[in-house]
Every structure is written in structure tokens, then in C-alpha cells.
Amino acid sequence: MKIKKGFVVREIAGQSVVVALGSATKDFNGMIKLNDSGRVIWDMLSEGKAAEDIVKKLMEIYEIDEETVRRDVEKFINTLQGANILE
């Protein structure tokens, strides 16, 4: 699973925001605000990391139980899939 080409994160007033560039704007013309954990997920998906690796990383960073992290990662990934942002 990986972020499609044409989607980038920009810092706007201290907030991480996903925007589409070029031909990606034909399918997506909004933006997505990312909190800190969302940014970690986005960056790892951009590198092609698996959901399991993302769950482990977030558990290390935030010391949250696996069930909560797994549910949140799945929700985030489902949102990106629904917006047609993932390959």
C-alpha cells in the first residue's frame, strides 16, 4: 500500500495538510489536515510501509494499546482509500 503520485504534504501555519498536485487534482480537489499521528501514518505509507509496521511504530511513539492503534490506522487507511489516494 502506498500513496499515489501527485499527493503531497505541505506545512501551512504549523499544520500538516495533504493536497493534490497536477493530474491528481482531477480526482481530488480538497485537502486533508493531519495531526501528529496522521503525519506518521502518511509518511510511512509514502514509503510503502505495511499497516502492521505503522501500528508498531505508533505503539512505540505514543505508548497506546495495540487494539486502539490498529483501529485508528485502519480508519485512516480506509479514509484514504475512500478518497482514492492509495495505490
Protein backbone atom coordinates (compact mmCIF):
# COMPACT_ATOMS: atom_id res chain seq x y z
CA MET A 1 0.00 0.00 0.00
CA LYS A 2 1.39 3.37 -0.98
CA ILE A 3 0.30 6.97 -1.51
CA LYS A 4 -0.39 7.72 -5.18
CA LYS A 5 1.84 10.14 -7.03
CA GLY A 6 0.53 13.67 -7.05
CA PHE A 7 -0.33 13.89 -3.35
CA VAL A 8 1.99 15.85 -1.08
CA VAL A 9 2.08 17.21 2.45
CA ARG A 10 2.58 20.92 2.92
CA GLU A 11 3.03 22.86 6.14
CA ILE A 12 0.54 25.70 6.41
CA ALA A 13 0.57 27.82 9.57
CA GLY A 14 2.17 24.96 11.51
CA GLN A 15 -0.41 22.41 10.29
CA SER A 16 0.39 19.45 8.02
CA VAL A 17 -2.01 19.44 5.09
CA VAL A 18 -2.32 16.93 2.22
CA VAL A 19 -3.02 18.46 -1.18
CA ALA A 20 -3.21 17.10 -4.71
CA LEU A 21 -0.99 18.38 -7.50
CA GLY A 22 -1.12 18.03 -11.27
CA SER A 23 -3.40 15.36 -12.68
CA ALA A 24 -4.32 14.14 -9.17
CA THR A 25 -6.48 17.27 -8.83
CA LYS A 26 -8.94 15.75 -11.32
CA ASP A 27 -9.94 13.14 -8.74
CA PHE A 28 -9.30 15.05 -5.52
CA ASN A 29 -9.68 18.79 -5.11
CA GLY A 30 -9.82 19.15 -1.34
CA MET A 31 -7.27 18.90 1.41
CA ILE A 32 -6.76 16.73 4.46
CA LYS A 33 -5.40 18.10 7.74
CA LEU A 34 -3.07 15.72 9.54
CA ASN A 35 -2.45 15.60 13.27
CA ASP A 36 0.87 14.26 14.55
CA SER A 37 -0.11 10.59 14.36
CA GLY A 38 -1.74 11.13 10.97
CA ARG A 39 1.54 12.58 9.74
CA VAL A 40 3.42 9.49 10.92
CA ILE A 41 0.93 7.24 9.11
CA TRP A 42 1.12 9.38 5.95
CA ASP A 43 4.92 9.38 5.92
CA MET A 44 5.10 5.62 6.41
CA LEU A 45 2.51 4.98 3.69
CA SER A 46 4.53 7.26 1.41
CA GLU A 47 7.46 4.92 1.96
CA GLY A 48 5.28 1.89 1.15
CA LYS A 49 5.26 0.54 4.71
CA ALA A 50 2.69 -2.08 5.67
CA ALA A 51 -0.13 -1.35 8.12
CA GLU A 52 1.49 -3.71 10.65
CA ASP A 53 4.72 -1.67 10.61
CA ILE A 54 2.72 1.52 11.10
CA VAL A 55 0.88 0.03 14.08
CA LYS A 56 4.16 -0.99 15.72
CA LYS A 57 5.70 2.46 15.17
CA LEU A 58 2.72 4.30 16.62
CA MET A 59 2.68 1.98 19.65
CA GLU A 60 6.34 2.86 20.26
CA ILE A 61 5.81 6.60 19.88
CA TYR A 62 2.58 7.03 21.81
CA GLU A 63 2.54 4.04 24.18
CA ILE A 64 -1.06 3.19 23.25
CA ASP A 65 -2.56 -0.29 23.29
CA GLU A 66 -2.44 -2.28 20.08
CA GLU A 67 -6.21 -2.57 19.62
CA THR A 68 -6.69 1.22 19.69
CA VAL A 69 -3.77 1.88 17.36
CA ARG A 70 -4.85 -0.82 14.91
CA ARG A 71 -8.41 0.55 14.80
CA ASP A 72 -7.16 4.11 14.22
CA VAL A 73 -4.72 3.06 11.48
CA GLU A 74 -7.42 1.06 9.71
CA LYS A 75 -9.80 4.03 9.89
CA PHE A 76 -7.16 6.37 8.47
CA ILE A 77 -6.30 3.96 5.65
CA ASN A 78 -9.99 3.46 4.85
CA THR A 79 -10.42 7.24 4.61
CA LEU A 80 -7.51 7.48 2.17
CA GLN A 81 -8.86 4.56 0.13
CA GLY A 82 -12.27 6.21 0.01
CA ALA A 83 -10.65 9.38 -1.35
CA ASN A 84 -8.75 7.26 -3.92
CA ILE A 85 -5.37 8.40 -2.58
CA LEU A 86 -3.78 4.95 -2.17
CA GLU A 87 -2.40 2.68 -4.89
